[in-house]
Amino acid sequence: MDKKSKTKTMVLGTIIGAFAGAVSAHLLISRAEEENEKPQLTAGEGIQVGLGLLGLMRLIAGFGKE
């Protein structure tokens, strides 16, 4: 893979990751506002998010392999 393709992939991945993070934060804030509380995650929710992200990264890493 040439340097231009690597850079393009990194930039696109960064933009997608930032967008996904912003949407996630918005959902967390919206939920907190509906319940009139501060935005927070429980330990269990944090573990679920972390494991979900690891599963997603594993899925992405497997793309292109046959």
C-alpha atoms as a PDB file:
ATOM      1  CA  MET A   1       0.000   0.000   0.000  1.00  0.00           C
ATOM      2  CA  ASP A   2       1.448   3.359  -0.959  1.00  0.00           C
ATOM      3  CA  LYS A   3       1.795   6.302   1.413  1.00  0.00           C
ATOM      4  CA  LYS A   4      -1.065   8.260  -0.187  1.00  0.00           C
ATOM      5  CA  SER A   5      -3.510   5.385   0.355  1.00  0.00           C
ATOM      6  CA  LYS A   6      -2.377   4.953   3.961  1.00  0.00           C
ATOM      7  CA  THR A   7      -2.841   8.651   4.675  1.00  0.00           C
ATOM      8  CA  LYS A   8      -6.266   8.669   3.025  1.00  0.00           C
ATOM      9  CA  THR A   9      -7.340   5.633   5.061  1.00  0.00           C
ATOM     10  CA  MET A  10      -6.105   7.160   8.332  1.00  0.00           C
ATOM     11  CA  VAL A  11      -7.855  10.483   7.686  1.00  0.00           C
ATOM     12  CA  LEU A  12     -11.113   8.787   6.714  1.00  0.00           C
ATOM     13  CA  GLY A  13     -10.963   6.496   9.746  1.00  0.00           C
ATOM     14  CA  THR A  14     -10.302   9.450  12.033  1.00  0.00           C
ATOM     15  CA  ILE A  15     -13.246  11.400  10.627  1.00  0.00           C
ATOM     16  CA  ILE A  16     -15.592   8.422  10.916  1.00  0.00           C
ATOM     17  CA  GLY A  17     -14.409   7.715  14.471  1.00  0.00           C
ATOM     18  CA  ALA A  18     -14.860  11.344  15.523  1.00  0.00           C
ATOM     19  CA  PHE A  19     -18.354  11.416  14.021  1.00  0.00           C
ATOM     20  CA  ALA A  20     -19.317   8.171  15.783  1.00  0.00           C
ATOM     21  CA  GLY A  21     -17.974   9.529  19.074  1.00  0.00           C
ATOM     22  CA  ALA A  22     -19.910  12.787  18.699  1.00  0.00           C
ATOM     23  CA  VAL A  23     -23.142  10.911  17.947  1.00  0.00           C
ATOM     24  CA  SER A  24     -22.559   8.639  20.948  1.00  0.00           C
ATOM     25  CA  ALA A  25     -21.967  11.625  23.222  1.00  0.00           C
ATOM     26  CA  HIS A  26     -25.112  13.295  21.903  1.00  0.00           C
ATOM     27  CA  LEU A  27     -27.159  10.168  22.656  1.00  0.00           C
ATOM     28  CA  LEU A  28     -25.704   9.961  26.163  1.00  0.00           C
ATOM     29  CA  ILE A  29     -26.471  13.636  26.824  1.00  0.00           C
ATOM     30  CA  SER A  30     -29.999  13.301  25.415  1.00  0.00           C
ATOM     31  CA  ARG A  31     -30.686  10.339  27.680  1.00  0.00           C
ATOM     32  CA  ALA A  32     -29.390  12.255  30.694  1.00  0.00           C
ATOM     33  CA  GLU A  33     -31.507  15.310  29.861  1.00  0.00           C
ATOM     34  CA  GLU A  34     -34.655  13.168  29.607  1.00  0.00           C
ATOM     35  CA  GLU A  35     -33.935  11.814  33.094  1.00  0.00           C
ATOM     36  CA  ASN A  36     -32.815  15.239  34.453  1.00  0.00           C
ATOM     37  CA  GLU A  37     -29.443  13.831  35.511  1.00  0.00           C
ATOM     38  CA  LYS A  38     -25.775  14.329  34.680  1.00  0.00           C
ATOM     39  CA  PRO A  39     -24.473  12.281  31.738  1.00  0.00           C
ATOM     40  CA  GLN A  40     -22.843   9.141  33.106  1.00  0.00           C
ATOM     41  CA  LEU A  41     -22.115   5.542  32.263  1.00  0.00           C
ATOM     42  CA  THR A  42     -22.275   2.757  34.790  1.00  0.00           C
ATOM     43  CA  ALA A  43     -19.387   0.322  35.042  1.00  0.00           C
ATOM     44  CA  GLY A  44     -21.473  -2.318  33.269  1.00  0.00           C
ATOM     45  CA  GLU A  45     -22.341   0.056  30.428  1.00  0.00           C
ATOM     46  CA  GLY A  46     -18.674   1.002  30.087  1.00  0.00           C
ATOM     47  CA  ILE A  47     -17.697  -2.647  29.798  1.00  0.00           C
ATOM     48  CA  GLN A  48     -20.411  -3.233  27.188  1.00  0.00           C
ATOM     49  CA  VAL A  49     -19.183  -0.268  25.141  1.00  0.00           C
ATOM     50  CA  GLY A  50     -15.562  -1.406  25.379  1.00  0.00           C
ATOM     51  CA  LEU A  51     -16.339  -4.972  24.348  1.00  0.00           C
ATOM     52  CA  GLY A  52     -18.521  -3.731  21.514  1.00  0.00           C
ATOM     53  CA  LEU A  53     -15.683  -1.563  20.223  1.00  0.00           C
ATOM     54  CA  LEU A  54     -13.221  -4.448  20.437  1.00  0.00           C
ATOM     55  CA  GLY A  55     -15.633  -6.618  18.462  1.00  0.00           C
ATOM     56  CA  LEU A  56     -16.021  -3.893  15.844  1.00  0.00           C
ATOM     57  CA  MET A  57     -12.242  -3.472  15.505  1.00  0.00           C
ATOM     58  CA  ARG A  58     -11.849  -7.234  15.146  1.00  0.00           C
ATOM     59  CA  LEU A  59     -14.513  -7.247  12.425  1.00  0.00           C
ATOM     60  CA  ILE A  60     -12.837  -4.395  10.554  1.00  0.00           C
ATOM     61  CA  ALA A  61      -9.424  -6.055  10.843  1.00  0.00           C
ATOM     62  CA  GLY A  62     -10.857  -9.182   9.219  1.00  0.00           C
ATOM     63  CA  PHE A  63     -12.136  -7.375   6.112  1.00  0.00           C
ATOM     64  CA  GLY A  64     -10.345  -8.442   2.954  1.00  0.00           C
ATOM     65  CA  LYS A  65      -9.186 -11.771   4.352  1.00  0.00           C
ATOM     66  CA  GLU A  66     -10.570 -14.870   2.738  1.00  0.00           C
END
